[in-house]
Amino acid sequence: SVDDKVDHPVSLYAATKKSNELMAHAYAKLYDIPCTGLRFFTVYGPA
């Protein structure tokens, strides 16, 4: 759930994505930028 704590990444990739969420929150707060983050789950399909 998006309400779960996400403080224990197990890869650098995951850590960078969590960092993106924190950075976006800071910029939304400081500069009133409407931001929405989307946590994708194992996307597949053609191409």
ModelCIF file with pLDDT and N, C-alpha, C, O atoms, coordinates in Angstrom:
data_MODEL
#
_entry.id   MODEL 
#
_entity.id                         1 
_entity.type                       polymer 
_entity.pdbx_number_of_molecules   1 
#
_entity_poly.entity_id                      1 
_entity_poly.type                           'polypeptide(L)' 
_entity_poly.nstd_linkage                   no 
_entity_poly.nstd_monomer                   no 
_entity_poly.pdbx_seq_one_letter_code       SVDDKVDHPVSLYAATKKSNELMAHAYAKLYDIPCTGLRFFTVYGPA 
_entity_poly.pdbx_seq_one_letter_code_can   SVDDKVDHPVSLYAATKKSNELMAHAYAKLYDIPCTGLRFFTVYGPA 
_entity_poly.pdbx_strand_id                 A 
#
loop_
_entity_poly_seq.entity_id 
_entity_poly_seq.num 
_entity_poly_seq.mon_id 
_entity_poly_seq.hetero 
1 1  SER n 
1 2  VAL n 
1 3  ASP n 
1 4  ASP n 
1 5  LYS n 
1 6  VAL n 
1 7  ASP n 
1 8  HIS n 
1 9  PRO n 
1 10 VAL n 
1 11 SER n 
1 12 LEU n 
1 13 TYR n 
1 14 ALA n 
1 15 ALA n 
1 16 THR n 
1 17 LYS n 
1 18 LYS n 
1 19 SER n 
1 20 ASN n 
1 21 GLU n 
1 22 LEU n 
1 23 MET n 
1 24 ALA n 
1 25 HIS n 
1 26 ALA n 
1 27 TYR n 
1 28 ALA n 
1 29 LYS n 
1 30 LEU n 
1 31 TYR n 
1 32 ASP n 
1 33 ILE n 
1 34 PRO n 
1 35 CYS n 
1 36 THR n 
1 37 GLY n 
1 38 LEU n 
1 39 ARG n 
1 40 PHE n 
1 41 PHE n 
1 42 THR n 
1 43 VAL n 
1 44 TYR n 
1 45 GLY n 
1 46 PRO n 
1 47 ALA n 
#
_struct_asym.id          A 
_struct_asym.entity_id   1 
#
loop_
_ma_qa_metric.id 
_ma_qa_metric.mode 
_ma_qa_metric.name 
_ma_qa_metric.software_group_id 
_ma_qa_metric.type 
1 global pLDDT . pLDDT 
2 local  pLDDT . pLDDT 
#
_ma_qa_metric_global.metric_id      1 
_ma_qa_metric_global.metric_value   94.53 
_ma_qa_metric_global.model_id       1 
_ma_qa_metric_global.ordinal_id     1 
#
loop_
_ma_qa_metric_local.label_asym_id 
_ma_qa_metric_local.label_comp_id 
_ma_qa_metric_local.label_seq_id 
_ma_qa_metric_local.metric_id 
_ma_qa_metric_local.metric_value 
_ma_qa_metric_local.model_id 
_ma_qa_metric_local.ordinal_id 
A SER 1  2 92.00 1 1  
A VAL 2  2 93.00 1 2  
A ASP 3  2 93.00 1 3  
A ASP 4  2 93.00 1 4  
A LYS 5  2 92.00 1 5  
A VAL 6  2 92.00 1 6  
A ASP 7  2 89.00 1 7  
A HIS 8  2 89.00 1 8  
A PRO 9  2 90.00 1 9  
A VAL 10 2 86.00 1 10 
A SER 11 2 88.00 1 11 
A LEU 12 2 91.00 1 12 
A TYR 13 2 91.00 1 13 
A ALA 14 2 91.00 1 14 
A ALA 15 2 94.00 1 15 
A THR 16 2 95.00 1 16 
A LYS 17 2 95.00 1 17 
A LYS 18 2 96.00 1 18 
A SER 19 2 97.00 1 19 
A ASN 20 2 98.00 1 20 
A GLU 21 2 98.00 1 21 
A LEU 22 2 97.00 1 22 
A MET 23 2 98.00 1 23 
A ALA 24 2 98.00 1 24 
A HIS 25 2 97.00 1 25 
A ALA 26 2 97.00 1 26 
A TYR 27 2 97.00 1 27 
A ALA 28 2 97.00 1 28 
A LYS 29 2 93.00 1 29 
A LEU 30 2 93.00 1 30 
A TYR 31 2 94.00 1 31 
A ASP 32 2 93.00 1 32 
A ILE 33 2 97.00 1 33 
A PRO 34 2 98.00 1 34 
A CYS 35 2 98.00 1 35 
A THR 36 2 98.00 1 36 
A GLY 37 2 98.00 1 37 
A LEU 38 2 98.00 1 38 
A ARG 39 2 97.00 1 39 
A PHE 40 2 95.00 1 40 
A PHE 41 2 92.00 1 41 
A THR 42 2 90.00 1 42 
A VAL 43 2 95.00 1 43 
A TYR 44 2 96.00 1 44 
A GLY 45 2 98.00 1 45 
A PRO 46 2 98.00 1 46 
A ALA 47 2 98.00 1 47 
#
loop_
_atom_site.group_PDB 
_atom_site.id 
_atom_site.type_symbol 
_atom_site.label_atom_id 
_atom_site.label_alt_id 
_atom_site.label_comp_id 
_atom_site.label_asym_id 
_atom_site.label_entity_id 
_atom_site.label_seq_id 
_atom_site.pdbx_PDB_ins_code 
_atom_site.Cartn_x 
_atom_site.Cartn_y 
_atom_site.Cartn_z 
_atom_site.occupancy 
_atom_site.B_iso_or_equiv 
_atom_site.pdbx_formal_charge 
_atom_site.auth_seq_id 
_atom_site.auth_comp_id 
_atom_site.auth_asym_id 
_atom_site.auth_atom_id 
_atom_site.pdbx_PDB_model_num 
ATOM 1   N N  . SER A 1 1  ? 0.843  -1.195 0.000   1.00 92.00 ? 1  SER A N  1 
ATOM 2   C CA . SER A 1 1  ? 0.000  0.000  0.000   1.00 92.00 ? 1  SER A CA 1 
ATOM 3   C C  . SER A 1 1  ? 0.878  1.245  0.000   1.00 92.00 ? 1  SER A C  1 
ATOM 4   O O  . SER A 1 1  ? 1.980  1.240  0.548   1.00 92.00 ? 1  SER A O  1 
ATOM 5   N N  . VAL A 1 2  ? 0.381  2.306  -0.618  1.00 93.00 ? 2  VAL A N  1 
ATOM 6   C CA . VAL A 1 2  ? 1.141  3.569  -0.614  1.00 93.00 ? 2  VAL A CA 1 
ATOM 7   C C  . VAL A 1 2  ? 1.264  4.135  0.789   1.00 93.00 ? 2  VAL A C  1 
ATOM 8   O O  . VAL A 1 2  ? 2.058  5.049  1.015   1.00 93.00 ? 2  VAL A O  1 
ATOM 9   N N  . ASP A 1 3  ? 0.492  3.610  1.740   1.00 93.00 ? 3  ASP A N  1 
ATOM 10  C CA . ASP A 1 3  ? 0.601  4.050  3.131   1.00 93.00 ? 3  ASP A CA 1 
ATOM 11  C C  . ASP A 1 3  ? 1.687  3.301  3.900   1.00 93.00 ? 3  ASP A C  1 
ATOM 12  O O  . ASP A 1 3  ? 2.010  3.660  5.032   1.00 93.00 ? 3  ASP A O  1 
ATOM 13  N N  . ASP A 1 4  ? 2.255  2.250  3.277   1.00 93.00 ? 4  ASP A N  1 
ATOM 14  C CA . ASP A 1 4  ? 3.322  1.493  3.933   1.00 93.00 ? 4  ASP A CA 1 
ATOM 15  C C  . ASP A 1 4  ? 4.619  2.299  3.971   1.00 93.00 ? 4  ASP A C  1 
ATOM 16  O O  . ASP A 1 4  ? 4.868  3.141  3.108   1.00 93.00 ? 4  ASP A O  1 
ATOM 17  N N  . LYS A 1 5  ? 5.434  2.026  4.979   1.00 92.00 ? 5  LYS A N  1 
ATOM 18  C CA . LYS A 1 5  ? 6.769  2.623  5.014   1.00 92.00 ? 5  LYS A CA 1 
ATOM 19  C C  . LYS A 1 5  ? 7.633  1.987  3.933   1.00 92.00 ? 5  LYS A C  1 
ATOM 20  O O  . LYS A 1 5  ? 7.561  0.783  3.686   1.00 92.00 ? 5  LYS A O  1 
ATOM 21  N N  . VAL A 1 6  ? 8.447  2.815  3.297   1.00 92.00 ? 6  VAL A N  1 
ATOM 22  C CA . VAL A 1 6  ? 9.335  2.307  2.240   1.00 92.00 ? 6  VAL A CA 1 
ATOM 23  C C  . VAL A 1 6  ? 10.752 2.804  2.518   1.00 92.00 ? 6  VAL A C  1 
ATOM 24  O O  . VAL A 1 6  ? 11.363 3.497  1.705   1.00 92.00 ? 6  VAL A O  1 
ATOM 25  N N  . ASP A 1 7  ? 11.247 2.430  3.682   1.00 89.00 ? 7  ASP A N  1 
ATOM 26  C CA . ASP A 1 7  ? 12.542 2.922  4.155   1.00 89.00 ? 7  ASP A CA 1 
ATOM 27  C C  . ASP A 1 7  ? 13.669 1.914  4.012   1.00 89.00 ? 7  ASP A C  1 
ATOM 28  O O  . ASP A 1 7  ? 14.784 2.169  4.469   1.00 89.00 ? 7  ASP A O  1 
ATOM 29  N N  . HIS A 1 8  ? 13.399 0.763  3.381   1.00 89.00 ? 8  HIS A N  1 
ATOM 30  C CA . HIS A 1 8  ? 14.423 -0.283 3.340   1.00 89.00 ? 8  HIS A CA 1 
ATOM 31  C C  . HIS A 1 8  ? 14.564 -0.833 1.919   1.00 89.00 ? 8  HIS A C  1 
ATOM 32  O O  . HIS A 1 8  ? 14.223 -1.989 1.671   1.00 89.00 ? 8  HIS A O  1 
ATOM 33  N N  . PRO A 1 9  ? 15.064 -0.019 0.984   1.00 90.00 ? 9  PRO A N  1 
ATOM 34  C CA . PRO A 1 9  ? 15.274 -0.517 -0.385  1.00 90.00 ? 9  PRO A CA 1 
ATOM 35  C C  . PRO A 1 9  ? 16.335 -1.607 -0.408  1.00 90.00 ? 9  PRO A C  1 
ATOM 36  O O  . PRO A 1 9  ? 17.264 -1.599 0.400   1.00 90.00 ? 9  PRO A O  1 
ATOM 37  N N  . VAL A 1 10 ? 16.192 -2.539 -1.336  1.00 86.00 ? 10 VAL A N  1 
ATOM 38  C CA . VAL A 1 10 ? 17.167 -3.632 -1.433  1.00 86.00 ? 10 VAL A CA 1 
ATOM 39  C C  . VAL A 1 10 ? 17.992 -3.534 -2.714  1.00 86.00 ? 10 VAL A C  1 
ATOM 40  O O  . VAL A 1 10 ? 18.705 -4.477 -3.057  1.00 86.00 ? 10 VAL A O  1 
ATOM 41  N N  . SER A 1 11 ? 17.911 -2.417 -3.422  1.00 88.00 ? 11 SER A N  1 
ATOM 42  C CA . SER A 1 11 ? 18.747 -2.182 -4.595  1.00 88.00 ? 11 SER A CA 1 
ATOM 43  C C  . SER A 1 11 ? 18.947 -0.677 -4.752  1.00 88.00 ? 11 SER A C  1 
ATOM 44  O O  . SER A 1 11 ? 18.155 0.119  -4.245  1.00 88.00 ? 11 SER A O  1 
ATOM 45  N N  . LEU A 1 12 ? 20.008 -0.296 -5.456  1.00 91.00 ? 12 LEU A N  1 
ATOM 46  C CA . LEU A 1 12 ? 20.229 1.117  -5.724  1.00 91.00 ? 12 LEU A CA 1 
ATOM 47  C C  . LEU A 1 12 ? 19.103 1.671  -6.595  1.00 91.00 ? 12 LEU A C  1 
ATOM 48  O O  . LEU A 1 12 ? 18.667 2.806  -6.399  1.00 91.00 ? 12 LEU A O  1 
ATOM 49  N N  . TYR A 1 13 ? 18.633 0.879  -7.549  1.00 91.00 ? 13 TYR A N  1 
ATOM 50  C CA . TYR A 1 13 ? 17.512 1.316  -8.385  1.00 91.00 ? 13 TYR A CA 1 
ATOM 51  C C  . TYR A 1 13 ? 16.335 1.735  -7.519  1.00 91.00 ? 13 TYR A C  1 
ATOM 52  O O  . TYR A 1 13 ? 15.766 2.809  -7.716  1.00 91.00 ? 13 TYR A O  1 
ATOM 53  N N  . ALA A 1 14 ? 15.967 0.883  -6.553  1.00 91.00 ? 14 ALA A N  1 
ATOM 54  C CA . ALA A 1 14 ? 14.850 1.198  -5.659  1.00 91.00 ? 14 ALA A CA 1 
ATOM 55  C C  . ALA A 1 14 ? 15.138 2.462  -4.860  1.00 91.00 ? 14 ALA A C  1 
ATOM 56  O O  . ALA A 1 14 ? 14.247 3.285  -4.651  1.00 91.00 ? 14 ALA A O  1 
ATOM 57  N N  . ALA A 1 15 ? 16.364 2.615  -4.421  1.00 94.00 ? 15 ALA A N  1 
ATOM 58  C CA . ALA A 1 15 ? 16.726 3.804  -3.644  1.00 94.00 ? 15 ALA A CA 1 
ATOM 59  C C  . ALA A 1 15 ? 16.580 5.072  -4.482  1.00 94.00 ? 15 ALA A C  1 
ATOM 60  O O  . ALA A 1 15 ? 16.140 6.102  -3.973  1.00 94.00 ? 15 ALA A O  1 
ATOM 61  N N  . THR A 1 16 ? 16.947 5.004  -5.762  1.00 95.00 ? 16 THR A N  1 
ATOM 62  C CA . THR A 1 16 ? 16.799 6.200  -6.608  1.00 95.00 ? 16 THR A CA 1 
ATOM 63  C C  . THR A 1 16 ? 15.330 6.533  -6.826  1.00 95.00 ? 16 THR A C  1 
ATOM 64  O O  . THR A 1 16 ? 14.969 7.707  -6.902  1.00 95.00 ? 16 THR A O  1 
ATOM 65  N N  . LYS A 1 17 ? 14.485 5.522  -6.927  1.00 95.00 ? 17 LYS A N  1 
ATOM 66  C CA . LYS A 1 17 ? 13.060 5.780  -7.141  1.00 95.00 ? 17 LYS A CA 1 
ATOM 67  C C  . LYS A 1 17 ? 12.412 6.371  -5.886  1.00 95.00 ? 17 LYS A C  1 
ATOM 68  O O  . LYS A 1 17 ? 11.565 7.259  -5.986  1.00 95.00 ? 17 LYS A O  1 
ATOM 69  N N  . LYS A 1 18 ? 12.800 5.888  -4.722  1.00 96.00 ? 18 LYS A N  1 
ATOM 70  C CA . LYS A 1 18 ? 12.315 6.489  -3.487  1.00 96.00 ? 18 LYS A CA 1 
ATOM 71  C C  . LYS A 1 18 ? 12.829 7.923  -3.370  1.00 96.00 ? 18 LYS A C  1 
ATOM 72  O O  . LYS A 1 18 ? 12.110 8.811  -2.911  1.00 96.00 ? 18 LYS A O  1 
ATOM 73  N N  . SER A 1 19 ? 14.067 8.143  -3.785  1.00 97.00 ? 19 SER A N  1 
ATOM 74  C CA . SER A 1 19 ? 14.614 9.503  -3.781  1.00 97.00 ? 19 SER A CA 1 
ATOM 75  C C  . SER A 1 19 ? 13.785 10.424 -4.669  1.00 97.00 ? 19 SER A C  1 
ATOM 76  O O  . SER A 1 19 ? 13.543 11.575 -4.306  1.00 97.00 ? 19 SER A O  1 
ATOM 77  N N  . ASN A 1 20 ? 13.350 9.936  -5.819  1.00 98.00 ? 20 ASN A N  1 
ATOM 78  C CA . ASN A 1 20 ? 12.503 10.739 -6.704  1.00 98.00 ? 20 ASN A CA 1 
ATOM 79  C C  . ASN A 1 20 ? 11.242 11.188 -5.990  1.00 98.00 ? 20 ASN A C  1 
ATOM 80  O O  . ASN A 1 20 ? 10.825 12.338 -6.128  1.00 98.00 ? 20 ASN A O  1 
ATOM 81  N N  . GLU A 1 21 ? 10.631 10.291 -5.226  1.00 98.00 ? 21 GLU A N  1 
ATOM 82  C CA . GLU A 1 21 ? 9.403  10.650 -4.504  1.00 98.00 ? 21 GLU A CA 1 
ATOM 83  C C  . GLU A 1 21 ? 9.682  11.730 -3.464  1.00 98.00 ? 21 GLU A C  1 
ATOM 84  O O  . GLU A 1 21 ? 8.892  12.660 -3.305  1.00 98.00 ? 21 GLU A O  1 
ATOM 85  N N  . LEU A 1 22 ? 10.794 11.611 -2.761  1.00 97.00 ? 22 LEU A N  1 
ATOM 86  C CA . LEU A 1 22 ? 11.138 12.609 -1.744  1.00 97.00 ? 22 LEU A CA 1 
ATOM 87  C C  . LEU A 1 22 ? 11.462 13.957 -2.384  1.00 97.00 ? 22 LEU A C  1 
ATOM 88  O O  . LEU A 1 22 ? 11.049 15.002 -1.881  1.00 97.00 ? 22 LEU A O  1 
ATOM 89  N N  . MET A 1 23 ? 12.197 13.934 -3.489  1.00 98.00 ? 23 MET A N  1 
ATOM 90  C CA . MET A 1 23 ? 12.530 15.169 -4.192  1.00 98.00 ? 23 MET A CA 1 
ATOM 91  C C  . MET A 1 23 ? 11.277 15.856 -4.716  1.00 98.00 ? 23 MET A C  1 
ATOM 92  O O  . MET A 1 23 ? 11.132 17.073 -4.601  1.00 98.00 ? 23 MET A O  1 
ATOM 93  N N  . ALA A 1 24 ? 10.371 15.069 -5.293  1.00 98.00 ? 24 ALA A N  1 
ATOM 94  C CA . ALA A 1 24 ? 9.135  15.643 -5.832  1.00 98.00 ? 24 ALA A CA 1 
ATOM 95  C C  . ALA A 1 24 ? 8.293  16.252 -4.721  1.00 98.00 ? 24 ALA A C  1 
ATOM 96  O O  . ALA A 1 24 ? 7.696  17.313 -4.905  1.00 98.00 ? 24 ALA A O  1 
ATOM 97  N N  . HIS A 1 25 ? 8.242  15.594 -3.578  1.00 97.00 ? 25 HIS A N  1 
ATOM 98  C CA . HIS A 1 25 ? 7.480  16.139 -2.452  1.00 97.00 ? 25 HIS A CA 1 
ATOM 99  C C  . HIS A 1 25 ? 8.068  17.473 -2.013  1.00 97.00 ? 25 HIS A C  1 
ATOM 100 O O  . HIS A 1 25 ? 7.328  18.418 -1.742  1.00 97.00 ? 25 HIS A O  1 
ATOM 101 N N  . ALA A 1 26 ? 9.394  17.556 -1.941  1.00 97.00 ? 26 ALA A N  1 
ATOM 102 C CA . ALA A 1 26 ? 10.046 18.804 -1.523  1.00 97.00 ? 26 ALA A CA 1 
ATOM 103 C C  . ALA A 1 26 ? 9.738  19.930 -2.502  1.00 97.00 ? 26 ALA A C  1 
ATOM 104 O O  . ALA A 1 26 ? 9.444  21.049 -2.084  1.00 97.00 ? 26 ALA A O  1 
ATOM 105 N N  . TYR A 1 27 ? 9.803  19.646 -3.796  1.00 97.00 ? 27 TYR A N  1 
ATOM 106 C CA . TYR A 1 27 ? 9.528  20.683 -4.799  1.00 97.00 ? 27 TYR A CA 1 
ATOM 107 C C  . TYR A 1 27 ? 8.045  21.054 -4.822  1.00 97.00 ? 27 TYR A C  1 
ATOM 108 O O  . TYR A 1 27 ? 7.700  22.211 -5.060  1.00 97.00 ? 27 TYR A O  1 
ATOM 109 N N  . ALA A 1 28 ? 7.170  20.081 -4.577  1.00 97.00 ? 28 ALA A N  1 
ATOM 110 C CA . ALA A 1 28 ? 5.746  20.392 -4.490  1.00 97.00 ? 28 ALA A CA 1 
ATOM 111 C C  . ALA A 1 28 ? 5.480  21.338 -3.325  1.00 97.00 ? 28 ALA A C  1 
ATOM 112 O O  . ALA A 1 28 ? 4.688  22.273 -3.439  1.00 97.00 ? 28 ALA A O  1 
ATOM 113 N N  . LYS A 1 29 ? 6.151  21.086 -2.208  1.00 93.00 ? 29 LYS A N  1 
ATOM 114 C CA . LYS A 1 29 ? 5.973  21.918 -1.016  1.00 93.00 ? 29 LYS A CA 1 
ATOM 115 C C  . LYS A 1 29 ? 6.582  23.314 -1.207  1.00 93.00 ? 29 LYS A C  1 
ATOM 116 O O  . LYS A 1 29 ? 5.945  24.322 -0.903  1.00 93.00 ? 29 LYS A O  1 
ATOM 117 N N  . LEU A 1 30 ? 7.810  23.359 -1.708  1.00 93.00 ? 30 LEU A N  1 
ATOM 118 C CA . LEU A 1 30 ? 8.531  24.627 -1.802  1.00 93.00 ? 30 LEU A CA 1 
ATOM 119 C C  . LEU A 1 30 ? 8.014  25.522 -2.928  1.00 93.00 ? 30 LEU A C  1 
ATOM 120 O O  . LEU A 1 30 ? 7.969  26.745 -2.791  1.00 93.00 ? 30 LEU A O  1 
ATOM 121 N N  . TYR A 1 31 ? 7.625  24.897 -4.043  1.00 94.00 ? 31 TYR A N  1 
ATOM 122 C CA . TYR A 1 31 ? 7.331  25.695 -5.239  1.00 94.00 ? 31 TYR A CA 1 
ATOM 123 C C  . TYR A 1 31 ? 5.919  25.466 -5.787  1.00 94.00 ? 31 TYR A C  1 
ATOM 124 O O  . TYR A 1 31 ? 5.578  25.937 -6.872  1.00 94.00 ? 31 TYR A O  1 
ATOM 125 N N  . ASP A 1 32 ? 5.104  24.733 -5.018  1.00 93.00 ? 32 ASP A N  1 
ATOM 126 C CA . ASP A 1 32 ? 3.692  24.553 -5.376  1.00 93.00 ? 32 ASP A CA 1 
ATOM 127 C C  . ASP A 1 32 ? 3.534  23.907 -6.754  1.00 93.00 ? 32 ASP A C  1 
ATOM 128 O O  . ASP A 1 32 ? 2.672  24.301 -7.540  1.00 93.00 ? 32 ASP A O  1 
ATOM 129 N N  . ILE A 1 33 ? 4.377  22.911 -7.035  1.00 97.00 ? 33 ILE A N  1 
ATOM 130 C CA . ILE A 1 33 ? 4.305  22.185 -8.311  1.00 97.00 ? 33 ILE A CA 1 
ATOM 131 C C  . ILE A 1 33 ? 3.415  20.951 -8.122  1.00 97.00 ? 33 ILE A C  1 
ATOM 132 O O  . ILE A 1 33 ? 3.748  20.087 -7.311  1.00 97.00 ? 33 ILE A O  1 
ATOM 133 N N  . PRO A 1 34 ? 2.297  20.844 -8.843  1.00 98.00 ? 34 PRO A N  1 
ATOM 134 C CA . PRO A 1 34 ? 1.461  19.644 -8.734  1.00 98.00 ? 34 PRO A CA 1 
ATOM 135 C C  . PRO A 1 34 ? 2.209  18.417 -9.261  1.00 98.00 ? 34 PRO A C  1 
ATOM 136 O O  . PRO A 1 34 ? 2.546  18.351 -10.443 1.00 98.00 ? 34 PRO A O  1 
ATOM 137 N N  . CYS A 1 35 ? 2.465  17.456 -8.387  1.00 98.00 ? 35 CYS A N  1 
ATOM 138 C CA . CYS A 1 35 ? 3.256  16.271 -8.733  1.00 98.00 ? 35 CYS A CA 1 
ATOM 139 C C  . CYS A 1 35 ? 2.495  14.996 -8.372  1.00 98.00 ? 35 CYS A C  1 
ATOM 140 O O  . CYS A 1 35 ? 1.880  14.910 -7.309  1.00 98.00 ? 35 CYS A O  1 
ATOM 141 N N  . THR A 1 36 ? 2.542  14.019 -9.257  1.00 98.00 ? 36 THR A N  1 
ATOM 142 C CA . THR A 1 36 ? 1.977  12.704 -8.959  1.00 98.00 ? 36 THR A CA 1 
ATOM 143 C C  . THR A 1 36 ? 2.984  11.635 -9.345  1.00 98.00 ? 36 THR A C  1 
ATOM 144 O O  . THR A 1 36 ? 3.441  11.583 -10.487 1.00 98.00 ? 36 THR A O  1 
ATOM 145 N N  . GLY A 1 37 ? 3.329  10.782 -8.385  1.00 98.00 ? 37 GLY A N  1 
ATOM 146 C CA . GLY A 1 37 ? 4.226  9.659  -8.637  1.00 98.00 ? 37 GLY A CA 1 
ATOM 147 C C  . GLY A 1 37 ? 3.444  8.378  -8.832  1.00 98.00 ? 37 GLY A C  1 
ATOM 148 O O  . GLY A 1 37 ? 2.430  8.157  -8.170  1.00 98.00 ? 37 GLY A O  1 
ATOM 149 N N  . LEU A 1 38 ? 3.911  7.530  -9.739  1.00 98.00 ? 38 LEU A N  1 
ATOM 150 C CA . LEU A 1 38 ? 3.226  6.277  -10.045 1.00 98.00 ? 38 LEU A CA 1 
ATOM 151 C C  . LEU A 1 38 ? 4.184  5.108  -9.839  1.00 98.00 ? 38 LEU A C  1 
ATOM 152 O O  . LEU A 1 38 ? 5.229  5.021  -10.484 1.00 98.00 ? 38 LEU A O  1 
ATOM 153 N N  . ARG A 1 39 ? 3.811  4.220  -8.936  1.00 97.00 ? 39 ARG A N  1 
ATOM 154 C CA . ARG A 1 39 ? 4.616  3.034  -8.671  1.00 97.00 ? 39 ARG A CA 1 
ATOM 155 C C  . ARG A 1 39 ? 4.120  1.902  -9.571  1.00 97.00 ? 39 ARG A C  1 
ATOM 156 O O  . ARG A 1 39 ? 3.086  1.287  -9.309  1.00 97.00 ? 39 ARG A O  1 
ATOM 157 N N  . PHE A 1 40 ? 4.884  1.639  -10.643 1.00 95.00 ? 40 PHE A N  1 
ATOM 158 C CA . PHE A 1 40 ? 4.512  0.609  -11.608 1.00 95.00 ? 40 PHE A CA 1 
ATOM 159 C C  . PHE A 1 40 ? 4.880  -0.774 -11.080 1.00 95.00 ? 40 PHE A C  1 
ATOM 160 O O  . PHE A 1 40 ? 5.897  -0.947 -10.408 1.00 95.00 ? 40 PHE A O  1 
ATOM 161 N N  . PHE A 1 41 ? 4.040  -1.751 -11.395 1.00 92.00 ? 41 PHE A N  1 
ATOM 162 C CA . PHE A 1 41 ? 4.267  -3.126 -10.976 1.00 92.00 ? 41 PHE A CA 1 
ATOM 163 C C  . PHE A 1 41 ? 4.458  -4.023 -12.204 1.00 92.00 ? 41 PHE A C  1 
ATOM 164 O O  . PHE A 1 41 ? 3.500  -4.295 -12.929 1.00 92.00 ? 41 PHE A O  1 
ATOM 165 N N  . THR A 1 42 ? 5.691  -4.482 -12.437 1.00 90.00 ? 42 THR A N  1 
ATOM 166 C CA . THR A 1 42 ? 6.072  -5.488 -13.436 1.00 90.00 ? 42 THR A CA 1 
ATOM 167 C C  . THR A 1 42 ? 5.274  -5.360 -14.731 1.00 90.00 ? 42 THR A C  1 
ATOM 168 O O  . THR A 1 42 ? 4.361  -6.142 -14.995 1.00 90.00 ? 42 THR A O  1 
ATOM 169 N N  . VAL A 1 43 ? 5.632  -4.370 -15.523 1.00 95.00 ? 43 VAL A N  1 
ATOM 170 C CA . VAL A 1 43 ? 4.917  -4.078 -16.758 1.00 95.00 ? 43 VAL A CA 1 
ATOM 171 C C  . VAL A 1 43 ? 5.400  -5.007 -17.872 1.00 95.00 ? 43 VAL A C  1 
ATOM 172 O O  . VAL A 1 43 ? 6.597  -5.268 -17.996 1.00 95.00 ? 43 VAL A O  1 
ATOM 173 N N  . TYR A 1 44 ? 4.458  -5.504 -18.683 1.00 96.00 ? 44 TYR A N  1 
ATOM 174 C CA . TYR A 1 44 ? 4.818  -6.413 -19.782 1.00 96.00 ? 44 TYR A CA 1 
ATOM 175 C C  . TYR A 1 44 ? 3.907  -6.146 -20.970 1.00 96.00 ? 44 TYR A C  1 
ATOM 176 O O  . TYR A 1 44 ? 2.898  -5.450 -20.851 1.00 96.00 ? 44 TYR A O  1 
ATOM 177 N N  . GLY A 1 45 ? 4.274  -6.706 -22.118 1.00 98.00 ? 45 GLY A N  1 
ATOM 178 C CA . GLY A 1 45 ? 3.446  -6.564 -23.306 1.00 98.00 ? 45 GLY A CA 1 
ATOM 179 C C  . GLY A 1 45 ? 4.281  -6.451 -24.566 1.00 98.00 ? 45 GLY A C  1 
ATOM 180 O O  . GLY A 1 45 ? 5.507  -6.545 -24.501 1.00 98.00 ? 45 GLY A O  1 
ATOM 181 N N  . PRO A 1 46 ? 3.636  -6.250 -25.727 1.00 98.00 ? 46 PRO A N  1 
ATOM 182 C CA . PRO A 1 46 ? 4.345  -6.119 -27.004 1.00 98.00 ? 46 PRO A CA 1 
ATOM 183 C C  . PRO A 1 46 ? 5.335  -4.962 -26.990 1.00 98.00 ? 46 PRO A C  1 
ATOM 184 O O  . PRO A 1 46 ? 5.090  -3.922 -26.378 1.00 98.00 ? 46 PRO A O  1 
ATOM 185 N N  . ALA A 1 47 ? 6.453  -5.160 -27.672 1.00 98.00 ? 47 ALA A N  1 
ATOM 186 C CA . ALA A 1 47 ? 7.512  -4.145 -27.780 1.00 98.00 ? 47 ALA A CA 1 
ATOM 187 C C  . ALA A 1 47 ? 8.073  -3.766 -26.419 1.00 98.00 ? 47 ALA A C  1 
ATOM 188 O O  . ALA A 1 47 ? 8.969  -2.926 -26.332 1.00 98.00 ? 47 ALA A O  1 
#
